[in-house]
Protein backbone atom coordinates (compact mmCIF):
# COMPACT_ATOMS: atom_id res chain seq x y z
CA MET A 1 -13.95 10.31 -43.07
CA ASP A 2 -10.65 11.35 -41.55
CA ASP A 3 -8.12 14.01 -42.43
CA ASP A 4 -5.34 11.53 -41.53
CA ALA A 5 -4.75 9.64 -44.80
CA ALA A 6 -3.09 6.63 -43.16
CA MET A 7 -5.96 6.18 -40.69
CA ARG A 8 -8.56 6.69 -43.41
CA HIS A 9 -6.94 4.12 -45.71
CA SER A 10 -6.49 1.52 -42.96
CA LEU A 11 -10.13 1.84 -41.87
CA ALA A 12 -11.31 1.61 -45.48
CA LEU A 13 -9.19 -1.51 -45.97
CA LEU A 14 -10.52 -3.10 -42.76
CA LEU A 15 -14.16 -2.37 -43.59
CA GLY A 16 -13.65 -3.49 -47.19
CA VAL A 17 -12.17 -6.81 -46.08
CA PHE A 18 -15.37 -7.44 -44.13
CA GLY A 19 -17.55 -6.79 -47.16
CA HIS A 20 -18.47 -3.14 -46.74
CA CYS A 21 -18.46 -0.80 -49.73
CA VAL A 22 -16.35 2.16 -48.59
CA LEU A 23 -16.04 5.71 -49.89
CA GLU A 24 -13.23 7.76 -48.39
CA HIS A 25 -13.58 11.48 -47.62
CA THR A 26 -10.99 13.92 -46.28
CA GLY A 27 -13.64 16.30 -44.95
CA ALA A 28 -17.35 16.89 -44.46
CA ALA A 29 -18.00 19.39 -47.25
CA THR A 30 -18.72 16.76 -49.93
CA LEU A 31 -21.09 14.87 -47.67
CA LEU A 32 -22.99 17.99 -46.71
CA ASP A 33 -23.62 18.92 -50.37
CA ALA A 34 -26.38 16.29 -50.62
CA PRO A 35 -27.36 15.09 -47.15
CA GLY A 36 -30.69 13.69 -48.34
CA HIS A 37 -28.95 11.19 -50.61
CA LEU A 38 -26.75 9.64 -47.96
CA SER A 39 -27.21 6.01 -47.04
CA GLY A 40 -25.25 3.38 -45.19
CA CYS A 41 -23.16 4.60 -42.29
CA ILE A 42 -20.69 7.44 -41.79
CA VAL A 43 -17.56 6.69 -39.79
CA THR A 44 -15.87 9.98 -39.00
CA ASP A 45 -13.15 11.48 -36.91
CA LEU A 46 -14.46 13.96 -34.37
CA ARG A 47 -11.63 16.46 -34.72
CA MET A 48 -11.42 17.62 -38.33
CA PRO A 49 -10.24 20.88 -39.88
CA VAL A 50 -12.86 23.35 -41.17
CA ILE A 51 -15.98 21.29 -40.24
CA ASP A 52 -15.49 18.98 -37.26
CA GLY A 53 -17.48 15.81 -36.67
CA LEU A 54 -19.97 17.40 -34.27
CA GLU A 55 -20.74 20.28 -36.61
CA MET A 56 -21.14 17.85 -39.52
CA LEU A 57 -23.53 15.71 -37.47
CA ALA A 58 -25.53 18.77 -36.38
CA ARG A 59 -25.82 19.94 -40.00
CA LEU A 60 -26.91 16.51 -41.18
CA ARG A 61 -29.63 16.34 -38.54
CA ALA A 62 -30.74 19.91 -39.28
CA ALA A 63 -31.08 18.93 -42.95
CA GLY A 64 -33.27 15.99 -41.93
CA SER A 65 -30.72 13.26 -42.63
CA LEU A 66 -30.98 10.28 -40.30
CA VAL A 67 -27.92 8.47 -41.67
CA PRO A 68 -26.22 6.71 -38.74
CA VAL A 69 -22.86 8.11 -37.65
CA VAL A 70 -20.04 6.45 -35.74
CA MET A 71 -17.57 8.95 -34.28
CA MET A 72 -13.89 8.31 -33.61
CA THR A 73 -11.69 10.45 -31.41
CA GLY A 74 -8.13 10.43 -30.21
CA GLN A 75 -8.88 12.93 -27.46
CA GLY A 76 -12.21 11.95 -26.03
CA ASP A 77 -13.84 13.86 -23.23
CA ILE A 78 -17.15 13.37 -21.51
CA SER A 79 -18.87 16.54 -22.71
CA THR A 80 -17.96 15.91 -26.34
CA THR A 81 -19.13 12.31 -26.16
CA VAL A 82 -22.42 13.36 -24.57
CA ARG A 83 -22.92 16.06 -27.23
CA ALA A 84 -22.27 13.51 -29.99
CA MET A 85 -24.78 11.09 -28.49
CA LYS A 86 -27.41 13.83 -28.07
CA LEU A 87 -26.96 14.73 -31.74
CA GLY A 88 -27.68 11.10 -32.59
CA ALA A 89 -24.28 9.45 -33.01
CA CYS A 90 -24.63 5.68 -32.79
CA ASP A 91 -21.32 5.28 -31.01
CA VAL A 92 -18.15 7.16 -30.07
CA LEU A 93 -14.95 5.13 -30.24
CA GLU A 94 -11.76 6.28 -28.60
CA LYS A 95 -8.59 5.79 -30.66
CA PRO A 96 -6.84 3.45 -30.64
CA PHE A 97 -9.66 0.94 -30.71
CA ALA A 98 -9.86 -2.74 -31.53
CA ALA A 99 -10.98 -3.60 -35.05
CA ALA A 100 -13.82 -5.68 -33.59
CA LEU A 101 -15.26 -2.61 -31.83
CA LEU A 102 -15.36 -0.65 -35.08
CA LEU A 103 -16.91 -3.56 -36.96
CA ASP A 104 -19.53 -3.98 -34.21
CA ALA A 105 -20.31 -0.26 -34.22
CA VAL A 106 -20.72 -0.21 -38.02
CA ARG A 107 -22.87 -3.35 -37.95
CA ALA A 108 -25.11 -1.81 -35.30
CA ALA A 109 -25.33 1.49 -37.19
CA LEU A 110 -26.28 -0.30 -40.40
CA ALA A 111 -28.96 -2.25 -38.51
CA VAL A 112 -30.39 1.07 -37.31
CA GLU A 113 -30.22 2.48 -40.86
CA SER A 114 -32.02 -0.53 -42.33
CA GLY A 115 -34.83 -0.16 -39.82
CA ALA A 116 -34.20 -3.60 -38.35
CA PRO A 117 -36.07 -3.93 -35.08
CA ALA A 118 -33.92 -3.81 -31.98
CA ALA A 119 -33.56 -7.15 -30.27
CA ASN A 120 -35.68 -7.57 -27.15
CA ASP A 121 -37.24 -4.11 -26.96
CA ASP A 122 -39.17 -5.17 -23.87
CA ASP A 123 -37.95 -3.19 -20.84
CA ALA A 124 -38.39 -6.15 -18.47
CA THR A 125 -36.18 -8.26 -20.73
CA PHE A 126 -33.56 -5.50 -20.78
CA ALA A 127 -33.63 -5.22 -16.97
CA ALA A 128 -33.29 -9.01 -16.66
CA ARG A 129 -30.30 -8.97 -19.00
CA VAL A 130 -28.65 -6.20 -16.98
CA SER A 131 -29.17 -8.20 -13.79
CA ARG A 132 -27.12 -11.04 -15.32
CA LEU A 133 -24.07 -8.84 -15.93
CA THR A 134 -21.01 -9.53 -13.81
CA GLY A 135 -20.06 -6.97 -11.17
CA ARG A 136 -17.28 -5.54 -13.34
CA GLU A 137 -19.59 -5.36 -16.37
CA ARG A 138 -22.11 -3.44 -14.27
CA ASP A 139 -19.35 -1.05 -13.16
CA VAL A 140 -18.44 -0.43 -16.80
CA LEU A 141 -22.11 -0.05 -17.76
CA HIS A 142 -22.74 2.63 -15.13
CA LEU A 143 -19.69 4.60 -16.23
CA VAL A 144 -20.65 4.29 -19.93
CA LEU A 145 -24.10 5.63 -19.02
CA ARG A 146 -22.40 8.61 -17.35
CA GLY A 147 -20.65 9.40 -20.64
CA ARG A 148 -17.17 8.30 -19.57
CA THR A 149 -14.63 7.31 -22.21
CA ASN A 150 -12.90 3.93 -22.16
CA LYS A 151 -9.74 5.59 -20.90
CA GLU A 152 -11.59 7.34 -18.05
CA ILE A 153 -13.40 4.13 -17.15
CA GLY A 154 -10.07 2.32 -17.04
CA GLN A 155 -8.59 4.97 -14.76
CA THR A 156 -11.62 4.91 -12.46
CA LEU A 157 -11.68 1.11 -12.22
CA GLU A 158 -7.88 0.80 -12.32
CA ILE A 159 -7.90 -1.48 -15.38
CA SER A 160 -6.49 -1.00 -18.88
CA HIS A 161 -8.63 0.64 -21.55
CA ARG A 162 -8.30 -2.60 -23.57
CA THR A 163 -9.92 -4.50 -20.69
CA VAL A 164 -12.64 -1.83 -20.62
CA GLU A 165 -13.24 -2.43 -24.35
CA ILE A 166 -13.73 -6.14 -23.69
CA HIS A 167 -16.17 -5.52 -20.81
CA ARG A 168 -17.99 -2.88 -22.83
CA ALA A 169 -18.41 -5.25 -25.79
CA ARG A 170 -19.76 -7.92 -23.43
CA VAL A 171 -22.22 -5.42 -21.93
CA MET A 172 -23.49 -4.56 -25.41
CA THR A 173 -23.86 -8.23 -26.35
CA LYS A 174 -25.48 -9.32 -23.08
CA THR A 175 -27.95 -6.42 -23.02
CA GLY A 176 -28.88 -6.93 -26.69
CA CYS A 177 -28.10 -3.32 -27.54
CA GLU A 178 -26.74 -2.50 -30.98
CA CYS A 179 -25.12 0.80 -30.05
CA VAL A 180 -24.48 3.02 -27.04
CA GLN A 181 -27.39 5.26 -28.01
CA THR A 182 -29.77 2.29 -27.69
CA LEU A 183 -28.17 1.31 -24.39
CA VAL A 184 -28.69 4.84 -23.01
CA ARG A 185 -32.28 4.95 -24.27
CA ARG A 186 -33.16 1.60 -22.68
CA ALA A 187 -31.40 2.48 -19.46
CA ALA A 188 -33.39 5.72 -19.28
CA ARG A 189 -36.66 3.84 -19.82
CA THR A 190 -35.84 1.41 -17.02
CA ALA A 191 -34.77 4.19 -14.62
CA MET A 192 -31.09 3.22 -14.63
CA LEU A 193 -29.98 6.79 -15.42
């Protein structure tokens, strides 16, 4: 879902090429008409006219819908990202993002939706995986856990946001977390927050 037709069509094409059945929406109103019948994963822009992504997510959760949501934003800020995660967003991607990040986020969200068990739920295993991260990956991890965007992490660490995306993807893979929400939850359980 995106009010920008070009972005919406390119994302639909990308996801379709990788085997996902895609329905395009220009706004949240049609989705909110029947929140109980939603399945799959919603990929939505955060800043939308009339009903923005956060309001849509809040309404879905209030209606009892647990459909996973991946947020996209061109103007990410910490407080908005944190609000999205608290409302249950699986991930928040800052535009422009690599196609692989979107595909990974959708895959993780669909795994959550299908009820697939998270890999290595054991806290000791998670802590051991974190201990094997490189120094730079740990730096990125700590800033992700503080709700920083890729751009802000890049500025803090004096690296490009593309390099941050690579480190962030490696952190997700090495920790066995499907989405940022899972990463935050596991970090909280192991007293990393």
